[in-house]
Amino acid sequence: MLPALRPGQIVLARKRPARISLGDILIIRHDGLEKIKRVQRVSPGRVFVVGDNAAYSTDSREFGWLENRAIVGKVCWPVRRSPAKIA
């Protein structure tokens, strides 16, 4: 999801979001993995998601539309990782 999110960046997500809109960032479950993707299209009961870094993303352009049950959560806030404190 570069440039929006960096690898290892912590995010907060809302489970079972009431509404999904174009541009929302979702955590989805696909092929046994959790992935973070952006909503490009919405249809009743399903979503079409893409990664922001299209050249390196495995997304709906490859695996097609996803049923809403594949949505783990909707990212509501990226959280920056604090540097570890050395005592």
N, C-alpha and C. Protein backbone atom coordinates (compact mmCIF):
# COMPACT_ATOMS: atom_id res chain seq x y z
N MET A 1 0.81 -1.21 0.00
CA MET A 1 0.00 0.00 0.00
C MET A 1 0.85 1.26 0.00
N LEU A 2 2.11 1.13 -0.41
CA LEU A 2 2.91 2.34 -0.58
C LEU A 2 2.26 3.20 -1.64
N PRO A 3 2.22 4.48 -1.53
CA PRO A 3 2.83 5.32 -0.53
C PRO A 3 1.95 5.61 0.68
N ALA A 4 0.68 5.20 0.66
CA ALA A 4 -0.23 5.52 1.77
C ALA A 4 0.19 4.87 3.08
N LEU A 5 0.61 3.62 3.02
CA LEU A 5 1.04 2.89 4.21
C LEU A 5 2.37 2.22 3.93
N ARG A 6 3.22 2.19 4.94
CA ARG A 6 4.53 1.54 4.80
C ARG A 6 4.47 0.12 5.37
N PRO A 7 5.34 -0.77 4.89
CA PRO A 7 5.38 -2.11 5.47
C PRO A 7 5.66 -2.03 6.97
N GLY A 8 4.90 -2.77 7.76
CA GLY A 8 5.08 -2.79 9.20
C GLY A 8 4.38 -1.66 9.94
N GLN A 9 3.76 -0.74 9.21
CA GLN A 9 3.06 0.37 9.87
C GLN A 9 1.83 -0.16 10.59
N ILE A 10 1.58 0.35 11.77
CA ILE A 10 0.44 -0.07 12.57
C ILE A 10 -0.79 0.74 12.17
N VAL A 11 -1.92 0.06 12.02
CA VAL A 11 -3.17 0.74 11.70
C VAL A 11 -4.26 0.30 12.67
N LEU A 12 -5.26 1.12 12.82
CA LEU A 12 -6.46 0.76 13.58
C LEU A 12 -7.57 0.51 12.59
N ALA A 13 -8.36 -0.52 12.85
CA ALA A 13 -9.45 -0.86 11.93
C ALA A 13 -10.73 -1.11 12.71
N ARG A 14 -11.83 -0.81 12.06
CA ARG A 14 -13.15 -1.04 12.63
C ARG A 14 -13.71 -2.31 12.03
N LYS A 15 -14.03 -3.29 12.91
CA LYS A 15 -14.64 -4.54 12.44
C LYS A 15 -16.06 -4.28 11.98
N ARG A 16 -16.49 -5.06 11.02
CA ARG A 16 -17.84 -4.98 10.49
C ARG A 16 -18.29 -3.54 10.23
N PRO A 17 -17.61 -2.84 9.32
CA PRO A 17 -18.00 -1.45 9.06
C PRO A 17 -19.41 -1.38 8.49
N ALA A 18 -20.15 -0.36 8.91
CA ALA A 18 -21.53 -0.21 8.46
C ALA A 18 -21.60 0.20 6.99
N ARG A 19 -20.59 0.95 6.57
CA ARG A 19 -20.62 1.48 5.20
C ARG A 19 -19.23 1.39 4.58
N ILE A 20 -19.18 0.97 3.33
CA ILE A 20 -17.94 0.92 2.56
C ILE A 20 -18.09 1.89 1.41
N SER A 21 -17.10 2.77 1.25
CA SER A 21 -17.13 3.77 0.18
C SER A 21 -15.90 3.66 -0.70
N LEU A 22 -15.99 4.23 -1.89
CA LEU A 22 -14.83 4.27 -2.78
C LEU A 22 -13.68 4.98 -2.07
N GLY A 23 -12.49 4.43 -2.20
CA GLY A 23 -11.32 5.04 -1.58
C GLY A 23 -11.02 4.56 -0.17
N ASP A 24 -11.98 3.87 0.46
CA ASP A 24 -11.73 3.33 1.81
C ASP A 24 -10.59 2.31 1.74
N ILE A 25 -9.84 2.20 2.82
CA ILE A 25 -8.80 1.19 2.92
C ILE A 25 -9.33 0.07 3.81
N LEU A 26 -9.28 -1.15 3.28
CA LEU A 26 -9.83 -2.31 3.98
C LEU A 26 -8.74 -3.33 4.30
N ILE A 27 -8.95 -4.05 5.37
CA ILE A 27 -8.19 -5.27 5.63
C ILE A 27 -9.10 -6.39 5.14
N ILE A 28 -8.58 -7.17 4.20
CA ILE A 28 -9.38 -8.26 3.63
C ILE A 28 -8.67 -9.58 3.87
N ARG A 29 -9.43 -10.66 3.84
CA ARG A 29 -8.84 -12.00 3.94
C ARG A 29 -8.98 -12.65 2.57
N HIS A 30 -7.82 -13.06 2.01
CA HIS A 30 -7.81 -13.72 0.71
C HIS A 30 -6.72 -14.78 0.70
N ASP A 31 -7.07 -15.97 0.28
CA ASP A 31 -6.13 -17.10 0.22
C ASP A 31 -5.42 -17.32 1.56
N GLY A 32 -6.15 -17.18 2.65
CA GLY A 32 -5.59 -17.43 3.97
C GLY A 32 -4.71 -16.32 4.52
N LEU A 33 -4.59 -15.22 3.79
CA LEU A 33 -3.77 -14.09 4.23
C LEU A 33 -4.63 -12.86 4.44
N GLU A 34 -4.21 -12.02 5.38
CA GLU A 34 -4.86 -10.72 5.54
C GLU A 34 -4.06 -9.71 4.73
N LYS A 35 -4.75 -8.93 3.91
CA LYS A 35 -4.12 -7.95 3.03
C LYS A 35 -4.81 -6.61 3.22
N ILE A 36 -4.08 -5.54 2.97
CA ILE A 36 -4.65 -4.20 3.06
C ILE A 36 -4.74 -3.66 1.64
N LYS A 37 -5.96 -3.27 1.25
CA LYS A 37 -6.22 -2.79 -0.11
C LYS A 37 -7.21 -1.63 -0.08
N ARG A 38 -7.23 -0.86 -1.17
CA ARG A 38 -8.14 0.28 -1.29
C ARG A 38 -9.35 -0.12 -2.15
N VAL A 39 -10.52 0.35 -1.76
CA VAL A 39 -11.76 0.05 -2.50
C VAL A 39 -11.79 0.89 -3.78
N GLN A 40 -11.91 0.19 -4.90
CA GLN A 40 -12.01 0.89 -6.19
C GLN A 40 -13.45 0.89 -6.70
N ARG A 41 -14.18 -0.20 -6.41
CA ARG A 41 -15.59 -0.31 -6.83
C ARG A 41 -16.38 -1.02 -5.75
N VAL A 42 -17.64 -0.64 -5.64
CA VAL A 42 -18.54 -1.25 -4.66
C VAL A 42 -19.80 -1.69 -5.39
N SER A 43 -20.23 -2.90 -5.09
CA SER A 43 -21.46 -3.45 -5.64
C SER A 43 -22.18 -4.10 -4.46
N PRO A 44 -23.49 -4.22 -4.48
CA PRO A 44 -24.18 -4.83 -3.34
C PRO A 44 -23.58 -6.20 -2.97
N GLY A 45 -23.06 -6.29 -1.75
CA GLY A 45 -22.54 -7.55 -1.24
C GLY A 45 -21.12 -7.89 -1.63
N ARG A 46 -20.46 -7.00 -2.38
CA ARG A 46 -19.09 -7.31 -2.78
C ARG A 46 -18.30 -6.03 -3.09
N VAL A 47 -16.97 -6.18 -3.10
CA VAL A 47 -16.08 -5.04 -3.36
C VAL A 47 -14.98 -5.44 -4.34
N PHE A 48 -14.46 -4.46 -5.05
CA PHE A 48 -13.31 -4.63 -5.94
C PHE A 48 -12.21 -3.79 -5.33
N VAL A 49 -11.10 -4.42 -4.94
CA VAL A 49 -10.04 -3.73 -4.22
C VAL A 49 -8.73 -3.76 -5.00
N VAL A 50 -7.94 -2.69 -4.84
CA VAL A 50 -6.64 -2.60 -5.50
C VAL A 50 -5.61 -2.08 -4.51
N GLY A 51 -4.36 -2.41 -4.77
CA GLY A 51 -3.28 -1.86 -3.97
C GLY A 51 -2.83 -0.54 -4.57
N ASP A 52 -2.30 0.35 -3.74
CA ASP A 52 -1.85 1.64 -4.23
C ASP A 52 -0.62 1.52 -5.11
N ASN A 53 0.20 0.50 -4.90
CA ASN A 53 1.40 0.29 -5.68
C ASN A 53 1.08 -0.79 -6.73
N ALA A 54 0.41 -0.38 -7.79
CA ALA A 54 -0.17 -1.31 -8.76
C ALA A 54 0.82 -2.31 -9.36
N ALA A 55 2.03 -1.89 -9.58
CA ALA A 55 3.01 -2.78 -10.22
C ALA A 55 3.37 -3.98 -9.35
N TYR A 56 3.20 -3.85 -8.03
CA TYR A 56 3.60 -4.92 -7.11
C TYR A 56 2.45 -5.48 -6.30
N SER A 57 1.23 -5.16 -6.67
CA SER A 57 0.07 -5.55 -5.87
C SER A 57 -0.65 -6.76 -6.44
N THR A 58 -1.04 -7.67 -5.54
CA THR A 58 -1.95 -8.75 -5.90
C THR A 58 -3.31 -8.32 -5.38
N ASP A 59 -4.24 -8.08 -6.28
CA ASP A 59 -5.51 -7.50 -5.87
C ASP A 59 -6.64 -7.98 -6.78
N SER A 60 -7.76 -7.30 -6.76
CA SER A 60 -8.94 -7.74 -7.51
C SER A 60 -8.70 -7.78 -9.02
N ARG A 61 -7.69 -7.09 -9.51
CA ARG A 61 -7.38 -7.21 -10.94
C ARG A 61 -6.92 -8.61 -11.26
N GLU A 62 -6.41 -9.32 -10.25
CA GLU A 62 -5.98 -10.72 -10.41
C GLU A 62 -7.04 -11.70 -9.94
N PHE A 63 -7.59 -11.48 -8.72
CA PHE A 63 -8.50 -12.47 -8.14
C PHE A 63 -9.97 -12.09 -8.20
N GLY A 64 -10.30 -10.96 -8.78
CA GLY A 64 -11.70 -10.58 -8.98
C GLY A 64 -12.37 -9.95 -7.77
N TRP A 65 -13.67 -9.81 -7.87
CA TRP A 65 -14.47 -9.22 -6.80
C TRP A 65 -14.41 -10.09 -5.55
N LEU A 66 -14.53 -9.45 -4.40
CA LEU A 66 -14.57 -10.17 -3.12
C LEU A 66 -15.93 -9.98 -2.48
N GLU A 67 -16.44 -11.05 -1.91
CA GLU A 67 -17.68 -10.96 -1.14
C GLU A 67 -17.41 -10.16 0.13
N ASN A 68 -18.42 -9.48 0.65
CA ASN A 68 -18.25 -8.68 1.87
C ASN A 68 -17.76 -9.51 3.06
N ARG A 69 -18.03 -10.79 3.06
CA ARG A 69 -17.58 -11.62 4.18
C ARG A 69 -16.06 -11.72 4.24
N ALA A 70 -15.35 -11.35 3.16
CA ALA A 70 -13.88 -11.35 3.15
C ALA A 70 -13.31 -10.11 3.83
N ILE A 71 -14.17 -9.14 4.17
CA ILE A 71 -13.70 -7.92 4.82
C ILE A 71 -13.48 -8.17 6.30
N VAL A 72 -12.25 -7.97 6.75
CA VAL A 72 -11.91 -8.12 8.17
C VAL A 72 -12.21 -6.82 8.90
N GLY A 73 -11.90 -5.69 8.28
CA GLY A 73 -12.14 -4.40 8.91
C GLY A 73 -11.83 -3.26 7.96
N LYS A 74 -12.25 -2.08 8.36
CA LYS A 74 -12.01 -0.86 7.60
C LYS A 74 -10.99 -0.03 8.37
N VAL A 75 -9.87 0.29 7.72
CA VAL A 75 -8.83 1.07 8.39
C VAL A 75 -9.37 2.47 8.68
N CYS A 76 -9.30 2.84 9.95
CA CYS A 76 -9.79 4.16 10.33
C CYS A 76 -8.67 5.12 10.72
N TRP A 77 -7.48 4.59 10.97
CA TRP A 77 -6.38 5.48 11.33
C TRP A 77 -5.04 4.74 11.23
N PRO A 78 -4.12 5.27 10.42
CA PRO A 78 -2.77 4.71 10.47
C PRO A 78 -2.06 5.27 11.70
N VAL A 79 -1.33 4.46 12.40
CA VAL A 79 -0.62 4.87 13.61
C VAL A 79 0.87 4.77 13.34
N ARG A 80 1.59 5.84 13.58
CA ARG A 80 3.04 5.80 13.38
C ARG A 80 3.69 5.04 14.51
N ARG A 81 4.66 4.24 14.16
CA ARG A 81 5.38 3.45 15.14
C ARG A 81 6.35 4.35 15.89
N SER A 82 6.32 4.29 17.21
CA SER A 82 7.24 5.07 18.02
C SER A 82 8.58 4.35 18.07
N PRO A 83 9.67 5.10 18.03
CA PRO A 83 10.97 4.43 18.19
C PRO A 83 11.08 3.83 19.57
N ALA A 84 11.72 2.68 19.66
CA ALA A 84 11.87 2.01 20.96
C ALA A 84 12.71 2.87 21.89
N LYS A 85 12.30 2.92 23.14
CA LYS A 85 13.06 3.68 24.14
C LYS A 85 14.12 2.79 24.74
N ILE A 86 15.30 3.31 24.84
CA ILE A 86 16.40 2.56 25.44
C ILE A 86 16.57 3.04 26.87
N ALA A 87 16.49 2.11 27.80
CA ALA A 87 16.59 2.47 29.22
C ALA A 87 18.02 2.58 29.66
